Structure formats: C-alpha cells, structure tokens
Amino acid sequence: MRDRSAVVIIQNNRVALIKRARTDSIYYVFPGGGIEPGETPVAAAKREAWEELGVKVEIQECLAEVAFNGTQYFFQAIILEGEFGTGSGEEFSDPQRGTYEPVWVELNELVHLDVKPRSMSNSIQKGRKRNGN
C-alpha cells in the first residue's frame, strides 16, 4: 500500500477527470497517483497533474484525506499553464493498465457516472449546491 495524491480541478462548472477503461468496465478517477519515496503529498499532486493532464497547477488546499489502501490526498488546484490532455506519463504507454483519457465532465453529470471515490464526487456536488452553482 502506498499513499496517493490527486488534484481536483474545477473550471467553468466542469471537473477534470481521467476516464478509465479496463476490461469490461468504464469509470472515472481524479488525476493522481502514488507518492514517491521522499516526496510530499503536494509535490506528488503537482507531478501527477503534469504527467496525466499536461498542466502545471497551483495547489490551493487539501479537500480530503481518504483512507483506502493507505491515505489518498485530494487537493483543490488551479491550472497555471500547459495544455489540458497532453500528459505523457507512463500510464499512457502500458496497455495492460487499460486506457487513460483526460476529460472535462460537467458537474451536474457527476451523479450519473461511476466516479471513484464516490465520496469525493458527492462532496463536490454538495459544495456546488451549497455555493449555488
């Protein structure tokens, strides 16, 4: 078990996710991955945003720490530069791991998708309703 970091990027009522297709299932995850030895959760989140999305981000706050196969950190982030969808991390070149597709998903569509972890998707939906968006 290895701790993980992920970014939650929301722009124009859309959230950045990775659409995963593995064998017979399609699901969505927040861009992120394992924290390397000696790396902080924030540094890992920034690195993963670059590798998976092709963007450099500014981390704003830790939205959640979820206990699942270690600790998963979810950081609210904003895009500083780069072109969304141009990530070239190792996950894109390993067909055994299924496919990875960076996508923007409308916030009101989250409830209809298999987003993992569901608790983060629900939290974003609740925050959206609370803020009147």
C-alpha atoms as a PDB file:
ATOM      1  CA  MET A   1       0.000   0.000   0.000  1.00  0.00           C
ATOM      2  CA  ARG A   2       1.294   3.390  -0.986  1.00  0.00           C
ATOM      3  CA  ASP A   3      -0.181   6.783  -0.178  1.00  0.00           C
ATOM      4  CA  ARG A   4      -1.590   8.659  -3.160  1.00  0.00           C
ATOM      5  CA  SER A   5      -2.235  12.274  -4.149  1.00  0.00           C
ATOM      6  CA  ALA A   6      -4.783  13.648  -6.596  1.00  0.00           C
ATOM      7  CA  VAL A   7      -5.909  17.024  -7.891  1.00  0.00           C
ATOM      8  CA  VAL A   8      -9.453  18.352  -8.056  1.00  0.00           C
ATOM      9  CA  ILE A   9      -9.606  20.976 -10.798  1.00  0.00           C
ATOM     10  CA  ILE A  10     -12.923  22.729 -11.359  1.00  0.00           C
ATOM     11  CA  GLN A  11     -13.321  25.289 -14.153  1.00  0.00           C
ATOM     12  CA  ASN A  12     -16.456  26.629 -15.854  1.00  0.00           C
ATOM     13  CA  ASN A  13     -18.755  24.216 -13.972  1.00  0.00           C
ATOM     14  CA  ARG A  14     -16.637  21.255 -15.124  1.00  0.00           C
ATOM     15  CA  VAL A  15     -14.234  18.983 -13.266  1.00  0.00           C
ATOM     16  CA  ALA A  16     -11.103  17.377 -14.702  1.00  0.00           C
ATOM     17  CA  LEU A  17     -11.184  13.578 -14.503  1.00  0.00           C
ATOM     18  CA  ILE A  18      -9.424  10.606 -16.025  1.00  0.00           C
ATOM     19  CA  LYS A  19     -11.768   8.270 -17.896  1.00  0.00           C
ATOM     20  CA  ARG A  20     -10.523   4.737 -17.350  1.00  0.00           C
ATOM     21  CA  ALA A  21     -11.428   1.732 -19.454  1.00  0.00           C
ATOM     22  CA  ARG A  22     -10.268  -1.619 -18.115  1.00  0.00           C
ATOM     23  CA  THR A  23     -11.519  -4.962 -19.431  1.00  0.00           C
ATOM     24  CA  ASP A  24     -15.306  -4.581 -19.254  1.00  0.00           C
ATOM     25  CA  SER A  25     -15.630  -1.516 -17.062  1.00  0.00           C
ATOM     26  CA  ILE A  26     -15.523   2.233 -17.597  1.00  0.00           C
ATOM     27  CA  TYR A  27     -15.076   4.517 -14.617  1.00  0.00           C
ATOM     28  CA  TYR A  28     -13.599   7.898 -13.744  1.00  0.00           C
ATOM     29  CA  VAL A  29     -10.898   8.922 -11.279  1.00  0.00           C
ATOM     30  CA  PHE A  30      -9.370  12.180 -10.181  1.00  0.00           C
ATOM     31  CA  PRO A  31      -5.958  12.772 -11.780  1.00  0.00           C
ATOM     32  CA  GLY A  32      -3.340  11.446  -9.408  1.00  0.00           C
ATOM     33  CA  GLY A  33      -1.138   8.587  -8.365  1.00  0.00           C
ATOM     34  CA  GLY A  34       1.343   7.215  -5.895  1.00  0.00           C
ATOM     35  CA  ILE A  35       3.540   9.388  -3.715  1.00  0.00           C
ATOM     36  CA  GLU A  36       7.190   8.585  -4.402  1.00  0.00           C
ATOM     37  CA  PRO A  37       9.659   7.992  -1.522  1.00  0.00           C
ATOM     38  CA  GLY A  38      10.799  11.365  -0.142  1.00  0.00           C
ATOM     39  CA  GLU A  39       8.026  13.231  -1.992  1.00  0.00           C
ATOM     40  CA  THR A  40       5.395  15.312  -0.203  1.00  0.00           C
ATOM     41  CA  PRO A  41       1.699  14.830  -0.993  1.00  0.00           C
ATOM     42  CA  VAL A  42       1.604  18.335  -2.548  1.00  0.00           C
ATOM     43  CA  ALA A  43       4.646  17.648  -4.756  1.00  0.00           C
ATOM     44  CA  ALA A  44       3.108  14.339  -5.854  1.00  0.00           C
ATOM     45  CA  ALA A  45      -0.174  16.048  -6.778  1.00  0.00           C
ATOM     46  CA  LYS A  46       1.682  18.612  -8.902  1.00  0.00           C
ATOM     47  CA  ARG A  47       3.763  15.906 -10.608  1.00  0.00           C
ATOM     48  CA  GLU A  48       0.727  13.758 -11.324  1.00  0.00           C
ATOM     49  CA  ALA A  49      -1.187  16.717 -12.820  1.00  0.00           C
ATOM     50  CA  TRP A  50       1.725  17.240 -15.200  1.00  0.00           C
ATOM     51  CA  GLU A  51       2.110  13.539 -16.068  1.00  0.00           C
ATOM     52  CA  GLU A  52      -1.604  12.777 -16.508  1.00  0.00           C
ATOM     53  CA  LEU A  53      -3.015  16.086 -17.762  1.00  0.00           C
ATOM     54  CA  GLY A  54      -0.062  18.000 -19.219  1.00  0.00           C
ATOM     55  CA  VAL A  55      -0.685  21.019 -16.968  1.00  0.00           C
ATOM     56  CA  LYS A  56       1.203  22.766 -14.186  1.00  0.00           C
ATOM     57  CA  VAL A  57      -1.036  23.521 -11.227  1.00  0.00           C
ATOM     58  CA  GLU A  58      -1.105  25.606  -8.077  1.00  0.00           C
ATOM     59  CA  ILE A  59      -2.319  23.656  -5.065  1.00  0.00           C
ATOM     60  CA  GLN A  60      -4.840  25.621  -3.030  1.00  0.00           C
ATOM     61  CA  GLU A  61      -5.993  23.376  -0.185  1.00  0.00           C
ATOM     62  CA  CYS A  62      -6.386  19.775   0.879  1.00  0.00           C
ATOM     63  CA  LEU A  63     -10.073  18.939   0.389  1.00  0.00           C
ATOM     64  CA  ALA A  64      -9.953  15.452   1.862  1.00  0.00           C
ATOM     65  CA  GLU A  65      -7.817  12.632   3.169  1.00  0.00           C
ATOM     66  CA  VAL A  66      -9.476   9.318   2.360  1.00  0.00           C
ATOM     67  CA  ALA A  67      -8.346   6.062   3.951  1.00  0.00           C
ATOM     68  CA  PHE A  68      -8.238   3.465   1.161  1.00  0.00           C
ATOM     69  CA  ASN A  69      -5.170   1.251   0.586  1.00  0.00           C
ATOM     70  CA  GLY A  70      -3.184   3.836   2.526  1.00  0.00           C
ATOM     71  CA  THR A  71      -4.112   7.511   2.557  1.00  0.00           C
ATOM     72  CA  GLN A  72      -5.368   9.319  -0.529  1.00  0.00           C
ATOM     73  CA  TYR A  73      -4.980  13.111  -0.506  1.00  0.00           C
ATOM     74  CA  PHE A  74      -7.260  15.233  -2.684  1.00  0.00           C
ATOM     75  CA  PHE A  75      -6.071  18.778  -3.363  1.00  0.00           C
ATOM     76  CA  GLN A  76      -8.050  21.609  -4.899  1.00  0.00           C
ATOM     77  CA  ALA A  77      -5.893  23.039  -7.665  1.00  0.00           C
ATOM     78  CA  ILE A  78      -5.956  25.590 -10.453  1.00  0.00           C
ATOM     79  CA  ILE A  79      -4.221  25.329 -13.811  1.00  0.00           C
ATOM     80  CA  LEU A  80      -1.330  27.750 -14.239  1.00  0.00           C
ATOM     81  CA  GLU A  81      -0.052  26.668 -17.651  1.00  0.00           C
ATOM     82  CA  GLY A  82       0.096  23.827 -20.129  1.00  0.00           C
ATOM     83  CA  GLU A  83      -2.359  22.222 -22.499  1.00  0.00           C
ATOM     84  CA  PHE A  84      -5.006  20.002 -20.912  1.00  0.00           C
ATOM     85  CA  GLY A  85      -4.881  16.488 -22.324  1.00  0.00           C
ATOM     86  CA  THR A  86      -1.203  16.436 -23.294  1.00  0.00           C
ATOM     87  CA  GLY A  87       0.077  14.358 -20.377  1.00  0.00           C
ATOM     88  CA  SER A  88       2.561  11.663 -21.269  1.00  0.00           C
ATOM     89  CA  GLY A  89       3.064   9.704 -18.064  1.00  0.00           C
ATOM     90  CA  GLU A  90       3.922   6.010 -18.053  1.00  0.00           C
ATOM     91  CA  GLU A  91       0.259   5.038 -17.622  1.00  0.00           C
ATOM     92  CA  PHE A  92      -0.442   6.085 -21.209  1.00  0.00           C
ATOM     93  CA  SER A  93       2.041   3.599 -22.662  1.00  0.00           C
ATOM     94  CA  ASP A  94       1.094   0.436 -20.737  1.00  0.00           C
ATOM     95  CA  PRO A  95      -1.846  -1.356 -22.430  1.00  0.00           C
ATOM     96  CA  GLN A  96      -2.046  -3.807 -19.509  1.00  0.00           C
ATOM     97  CA  ARG A  97      -3.362  -0.938 -17.374  1.00  0.00           C
ATOM     98  CA  GLY A  98      -6.253  -0.131 -19.698  1.00  0.00           C
ATOM     99  CA  THR A  99      -6.814   3.293 -21.201  1.00  0.00           C
ATOM    100  CA  TYR A 100      -6.470   6.714 -19.608  1.00  0.00           C
ATOM    101  CA  GLU A 101      -8.297   9.650 -21.165  1.00  0.00           C
ATOM    102  CA  PRO A 102      -8.223  13.128 -19.575  1.00  0.00           C
ATOM    103  CA  VAL A 103     -11.719  14.615 -19.825  1.00  0.00           C
ATOM    104  CA  TRP A 104     -13.738  17.579 -18.599  1.00  0.00           C
ATOM    105  CA  VAL A 105     -17.048  16.497 -17.053  1.00  0.00           C
ATOM    106  CA  GLU A 106     -19.966  18.834 -16.353  1.00  0.00           C
ATOM    107  CA  LEU A 107     -20.540  18.999 -12.587  1.00  0.00           C
ATOM    108  CA  ASN A 108     -24.208  18.102 -12.985  1.00  0.00           C
ATOM    109  CA  GLU A 109     -23.167  14.887 -14.807  1.00  0.00           C
ATOM    110  CA  LEU A 110     -21.092  13.526 -11.901  1.00  0.00           C
ATOM    111  CA  VAL A 111     -24.106  11.870 -10.321  1.00  0.00           C
ATOM    112  CA  HIS A 112     -24.606   9.752 -13.470  1.00  0.00           C
ATOM    113  CA  LEU A 113     -21.008   8.476 -13.713  1.00  0.00           C
ATOM    114  CA  ASP A 114     -19.008   5.844 -11.841  1.00  0.00           C
ATOM    115  CA  VAL A 115     -16.524   8.207 -10.181  1.00  0.00           C
ATOM    116  CA  LYS A 116     -14.025   6.754  -7.719  1.00  0.00           C
ATOM    117  CA  PRO A 117     -14.019   7.506  -4.891  1.00  0.00           C
ATOM    118  CA  ARG A 118     -17.721   8.313  -4.813  1.00  0.00           C
ATOM    119  CA  SER A 119     -17.229  10.262  -1.574  1.00  0.00           C
ATOM    120  CA  MET A 120     -15.187  12.930  -3.422  1.00  0.00           C
ATOM    121  CA  SER A 121     -17.722  13.177  -6.228  1.00  0.00           C
ATOM    122  CA  ASN A 122     -20.517  13.572  -3.649  1.00  0.00           C
ATOM    123  CA  SER A 123     -18.517  16.193  -1.767  1.00  0.00           C
ATOM    124  CA  ILE A 124     -18.044  18.246  -4.945  1.00  0.00           C
ATOM    125  CA  GLN A 125     -21.773  18.000  -5.708  1.00  0.00           C
ATOM    126  CA  LYS A 126     -22.703  19.135  -2.174  1.00  0.00           C
ATOM    127  CA  GLY A 127     -20.274  22.044  -2.345  1.00  0.00           C
ATOM    128  CA  ARG A 128     -21.701  23.077  -5.701  1.00  0.00           C
ATOM    129  CA  LYS A 129     -25.256  23.119  -4.340  1.00  0.00           C
ATOM    130  CA  ARG A 130     -24.156  24.999  -1.199  1.00  0.00           C
ATOM    131  CA  ASN A 131     -22.453  27.651  -3.327  1.00  0.00           C
ATOM    132  CA  GLY A 132     -25.493  27.985  -5.563  1.00  0.00           C
ATOM    133  CA  ASN A 133     -23.702  26.889  -8.746  1.00  0.00           C
END
